[in-house]
Amino acid sequence: MKNNISKTRILFVEADEQTFQFRKCMSKIIEALPPTELLLAKDAGEALELLADEKADVLIVDDELTAELEVIVDSIDCSTIPILVQSEPENRESLAKLEKTLRLIPKEESLDHLHQTILCAVKVNEDRLPTKLAH
């Protein structure tokens, strides 16, 4: 019997090729875990194309991609999609001007943290949906 919970579509923007390939590999594994679908973009242009097609419910961006993040924030209505920024504590001050638009989450490169980040994105998406749709 199929679960009727809609998938949370998460778009990762990642310019680092090694990390991009890691996330791509992990997305194949994670796709087997309902109800999440991972989307990947290498830059702001690719992310904006996916966002224009309404393919993502939550956006996750690394704090090292400041220019990409600024392009995305300047190009979309940030009230329509939650943006989570994986951030090192020392980089949070540089993101202060976008603080009302973004949610800062800890940054760590581990499978457990990736799992926690995805759970956070799913929760953020569920919290913004009407109760009937989220459950």
C-alpha atoms as a PDB file:
ATOM      1  CA  MET A   1       0.000   0.000   0.000  1.00  0.00           C
ATOM      2  CA  LYS A   2       1.423   3.374  -1.040  1.00  0.00           C
ATOM      3  CA  ASN A   3       1.775   6.178   1.479  1.00  0.00           C
ATOM      4  CA  ASN A   4      -0.437   9.171   0.571  1.00  0.00           C
ATOM      5  CA  ILE A   5       1.931  11.756   2.068  1.00  0.00           C
ATOM      6  CA  SER A   6       3.209  14.117  -0.611  1.00  0.00           C
ATOM      7  CA  LYS A   7       6.964  14.269  -1.082  1.00  0.00           C
ATOM      8  CA  THR A   8       8.939  17.288   0.078  1.00  0.00           C
ATOM      9  CA  ARG A   9      11.030  18.311  -2.924  1.00  0.00           C
ATOM     10  CA  ILE A  10      14.395  19.654  -1.770  1.00  0.00           C
ATOM     11  CA  LEU A  11      16.772  21.484  -4.118  1.00  0.00           C
ATOM     12  CA  PHE A  12      20.468  21.504  -3.155  1.00  0.00           C
ATOM     13  CA  VAL A  13      22.673  24.130  -4.826  1.00  0.00           C
ATOM     14  CA  GLU A  14      26.268  22.904  -4.796  1.00  0.00           C
ATOM     15  CA  ALA A  15      29.150  24.244  -6.891  1.00  0.00           C
ATOM     16  CA  ASP A  16      31.857  21.956  -5.490  1.00  0.00           C
ATOM     17  CA  GLU A  17      32.041  19.012  -7.918  1.00  0.00           C
ATOM     18  CA  GLN A  18      33.076  16.436  -5.307  1.00  0.00           C
ATOM     19  CA  THR A  19      30.253  17.419  -2.941  1.00  0.00           C
ATOM     20  CA  PHE A  20      27.831  17.613  -5.870  1.00  0.00           C
ATOM     21  CA  GLN A  21      28.705  14.026  -6.886  1.00  0.00           C
ATOM     22  CA  PHE A  22      28.385  12.895  -3.257  1.00  0.00           C
ATOM     23  CA  ARG A  23      24.911  14.441  -2.973  1.00  0.00           C
ATOM     24  CA  LYS A  24      23.936  12.946  -6.336  1.00  0.00           C
ATOM     25  CA  CYS A  25      24.961   9.486  -5.131  1.00  0.00           C
ATOM     26  CA  MET A  26      23.189   9.979  -1.819  1.00  0.00           C
ATOM     27  CA  SER A  27      20.030  11.182  -3.546  1.00  0.00           C
ATOM     28  CA  LYS A  28      19.670   7.770  -5.175  1.00  0.00           C
ATOM     29  CA  ILE A  29      19.784   6.136  -1.751  1.00  0.00           C
ATOM     30  CA  ILE A  30      17.522   8.702  -0.113  1.00  0.00           C
ATOM     31  CA  GLU A  31      14.915   8.506  -2.880  1.00  0.00           C
ATOM     32  CA  ALA A  32      14.115   5.064  -1.493  1.00  0.00           C
ATOM     33  CA  LEU A  33      13.069   6.752   1.759  1.00  0.00           C
ATOM     34  CA  PRO A  34       9.623   8.291   1.358  1.00  0.00           C
ATOM     35  CA  PRO A  35       8.394  10.964   1.220  1.00  0.00           C
ATOM     36  CA  THR A  36      11.401  12.973  -0.060  1.00  0.00           C
ATOM     37  CA  GLU A  37      12.685  13.735  -3.536  1.00  0.00           C
ATOM     38  CA  LEU A  38      16.112  15.373  -3.782  1.00  0.00           C
ATOM     39  CA  LEU A  39      16.858  17.737  -6.633  1.00  0.00           C
ATOM     40  CA  LEU A  40      20.340  19.045  -7.400  1.00  0.00           C
ATOM     41  CA  ALA A  41      21.581  22.228  -9.030  1.00  0.00           C
ATOM     42  CA  LYS A  42      25.195  23.213  -9.696  1.00  0.00           C
ATOM     43  CA  ASP A  43      24.550  26.965  -9.619  1.00  0.00           C
ATOM     44  CA  ALA A  44      21.943  29.698  -9.191  1.00  0.00           C
ATOM     45  CA  GLY A  45      20.886  29.548 -12.860  1.00  0.00           C
ATOM     46  CA  GLU A  46      20.066  25.855 -12.689  1.00  0.00           C
ATOM     47  CA  ALA A  47      18.357  26.348  -9.313  1.00  0.00           C
ATOM     48  CA  LEU A  48      16.207  29.175 -10.691  1.00  0.00           C
ATOM     49  CA  GLU A  49      15.144  27.003 -13.632  1.00  0.00           C
ATOM     50  CA  LEU A  50      13.978  24.277 -11.248  1.00  0.00           C
ATOM     51  CA  LEU A  51      12.275  26.826  -9.016  1.00  0.00           C
ATOM     52  CA  ALA A  52      10.517  28.374 -12.038  1.00  0.00           C
ATOM     53  CA  ASP A  53       9.085  24.942 -12.814  1.00  0.00           C
ATOM     54  CA  GLU A  54       7.912  24.723  -9.170  1.00  0.00           C
ATOM     55  CA  LYS A  55       9.923  21.555  -8.657  1.00  0.00           C
ATOM     56  CA  ALA A  56      11.190  22.355  -5.155  1.00  0.00           C
ATOM     57  CA  ASP A  57       9.414  22.954  -1.859  1.00  0.00           C
ATOM     58  CA  VAL A  58      12.521  23.841   0.163  1.00  0.00           C
ATOM     59  CA  LEU A  59      15.880  25.239  -0.961  1.00  0.00           C
ATOM     60  CA  ILE A  60      19.165  24.391   0.787  1.00  0.00           C
ATOM     61  CA  VAL A  61      22.291  26.404  -0.006  1.00  0.00           C
ATOM     62  CA  ASP A  62      25.800  26.286   1.448  1.00  0.00           C
ATOM     63  CA  ASP A  63      26.985  29.544   3.046  1.00  0.00           C
ATOM     64  CA  GLU A  64      30.128  29.474   0.883  1.00  0.00           C
ATOM     65  CA  LEU A  65      27.921  30.124  -2.159  1.00  0.00           C
ATOM     66  CA  THR A  66      27.229  33.733  -1.171  1.00  0.00           C
ATOM     67  CA  ALA A  67      27.031  35.043  -4.748  1.00  0.00           C
ATOM     68  CA  GLU A  68      24.722  32.201  -5.805  1.00  0.00           C
ATOM     69  CA  LEU A  69      22.558  32.774  -2.746  1.00  0.00           C
ATOM     70  CA  GLU A  70      22.280  36.506  -3.454  1.00  0.00           C
ATOM     71  CA  VAL A  71      21.234  35.814  -7.076  1.00  0.00           C
ATOM     72  CA  ILE A  72      18.553  33.386  -5.884  1.00  0.00           C
ATOM     73  CA  VAL A  73      17.240  35.700  -3.138  1.00  0.00           C
ATOM     74  CA  ASP A  74      17.153  38.643  -5.572  1.00  0.00           C
ATOM     75  CA  SER A  75      15.333  36.557  -8.213  1.00  0.00           C
ATOM     76  CA  ILE A  76      12.513  34.882  -6.313  1.00  0.00           C
ATOM     77  CA  ASP A  77       9.708  35.715  -3.914  1.00  0.00           C
ATOM     78  CA  CYS A  78      11.306  34.342  -0.753  1.00  0.00           C
ATOM     79  CA  SER A  79       7.939  34.153   0.981  1.00  0.00           C
ATOM     80  CA  THR A  80       6.947  31.286  -1.330  1.00  0.00           C
ATOM     81  CA  ILE A  81       9.806  28.895  -0.560  1.00  0.00           C
ATOM     82  CA  PRO A  82      11.791  28.348   2.627  1.00  0.00           C
ATOM     83  CA  ILE A  83      15.540  28.809   2.167  1.00  0.00           C
ATOM     84  CA  LEU A  84      17.836  26.944   4.561  1.00  0.00           C
ATOM     85  CA  VAL A  85      21.493  27.976   4.585  1.00  0.00           C
ATOM     86  CA  GLN A  86      24.065  25.502   5.868  1.00  0.00           C
ATOM     87  CA  SER A  87      26.272  27.888   7.771  1.00  0.00           C
ATOM     88  CA  GLU A  88      29.477  27.849   9.782  1.00  0.00           C
ATOM     89  CA  PRO A  89      29.173  29.993  12.948  1.00  0.00           C
ATOM     90  CA  GLU A  90      31.905  32.373  11.738  1.00  0.00           C
ATOM     91  CA  ASN A  91      30.020  33.052   8.468  1.00  0.00           C
ATOM     92  CA  ARG A  92      26.675  33.960  10.033  1.00  0.00           C
ATOM     93  CA  GLU A  93      27.515  37.643  10.387  1.00  0.00           C
ATOM     94  CA  SER A  94      27.945  37.989   6.608  1.00  0.00           C
ATOM     95  CA  LEU A  95      24.438  36.564   6.146  1.00  0.00           C
ATOM     96  CA  ALA A  96      22.839  38.996   8.620  1.00  0.00           C
ATOM     97  CA  LYS A  97      21.366  41.195   5.859  1.00  0.00           C
ATOM     98  CA  LEU A  98      19.381  38.177   4.610  1.00  0.00           C
ATOM     99  CA  GLU A  99      18.438  36.974   8.083  1.00  0.00           C
ATOM    100  CA  LYS A 100      14.686  37.604   7.727  1.00  0.00           C
ATOM    101  CA  THR A 101      14.599  35.653   4.467  1.00  0.00           C
ATOM    102  CA  LEU A 102      16.803  32.714   5.439  1.00  0.00           C
ATOM    103  CA  ARG A 103      16.924  30.046   8.090  1.00  0.00           C
ATOM    104  CA  LEU A 104      20.472  29.285   9.150  1.00  0.00           C
ATOM    105  CA  ILE A 105      21.219  25.663   9.989  1.00  0.00           C
ATOM    106  CA  PRO A 106      24.508  24.097  11.151  1.00  0.00           C
ATOM    107  CA  LYS A 107      26.972  22.991   8.506  1.00  0.00           C
ATOM    108  CA  GLU A 108      28.752  19.667   8.791  1.00  0.00           C
ATOM    109  CA  GLU A 109      29.858  17.144   6.181  1.00  0.00           C
ATOM    110  CA  SER A 110      28.624  13.787   7.429  1.00  0.00           C
ATOM    111  CA  LEU A 111      25.924  11.341   6.401  1.00  0.00           C
ATOM    112  CA  ASP A 112      24.184  11.790   9.739  1.00  0.00           C
ATOM    113  CA  HIS A 113      24.124  15.560   9.284  1.00  0.00           C
ATOM    114  CA  LEU A 114      22.800  15.188   5.734  1.00  0.00           C
ATOM    115  CA  HIS A 115      20.034  13.036   7.184  1.00  0.00           C
ATOM    116  CA  GLN A 116      19.287  15.684   9.850  1.00  0.00           C
ATOM    117  CA  THR A 117      19.280  18.451   7.220  1.00  0.00           C
ATOM    118  CA  ILE A 118      16.769  16.540   5.105  1.00  0.00           C
ATOM    119  CA  LEU A 119      14.560  15.895   8.137  1.00  0.00           C
ATOM    120  CA  CYS A 120      14.736  19.613   8.936  1.00  0.00           C
ATOM    121  CA  ALA A 121      13.723  20.524   5.360  1.00  0.00           C
ATOM    122  CA  VAL A 122      10.793  18.090   5.449  1.00  0.00           C
ATOM    123  CA  LYS A 123       9.662  19.542   8.792  1.00  0.00           C
ATOM    124  CA  VAL A 124       9.943  23.129   7.505  1.00  0.00           C
ATOM    125  CA  ASN A 125       7.849  22.183   4.479  1.00  0.00           C
ATOM    126  CA  GLU A 126       5.234  20.370   6.573  1.00  0.00           C
ATOM    127  CA  ASP A 127       5.004  23.332   8.969  1.00  0.00           C
ATOM    128  CA  ARG A 128       4.129  25.711   6.137  1.00  0.00           C
ATOM    129  CA  LEU A 129       1.443  23.439   4.655  1.00  0.00           C
ATOM    130  CA  PRO A 130      -2.145  23.245   5.852  1.00  0.00           C
ATOM    131  CA  THR A 131      -2.521  20.348   8.310  1.00  0.00           C
ATOM    132  CA  LYS A 132      -4.606  18.262   5.894  1.00  0.00           C
ATOM    133  CA  LEU A 133      -1.928  18.347   3.198  1.00  0.00           C
ATOM    134  CA  ALA A 134       1.011  17.658   5.478  1.00  0.00           C
ATOM    135  CA  HIS A 135      -0.419  14.497   7.016  1.00  0.00           C
END
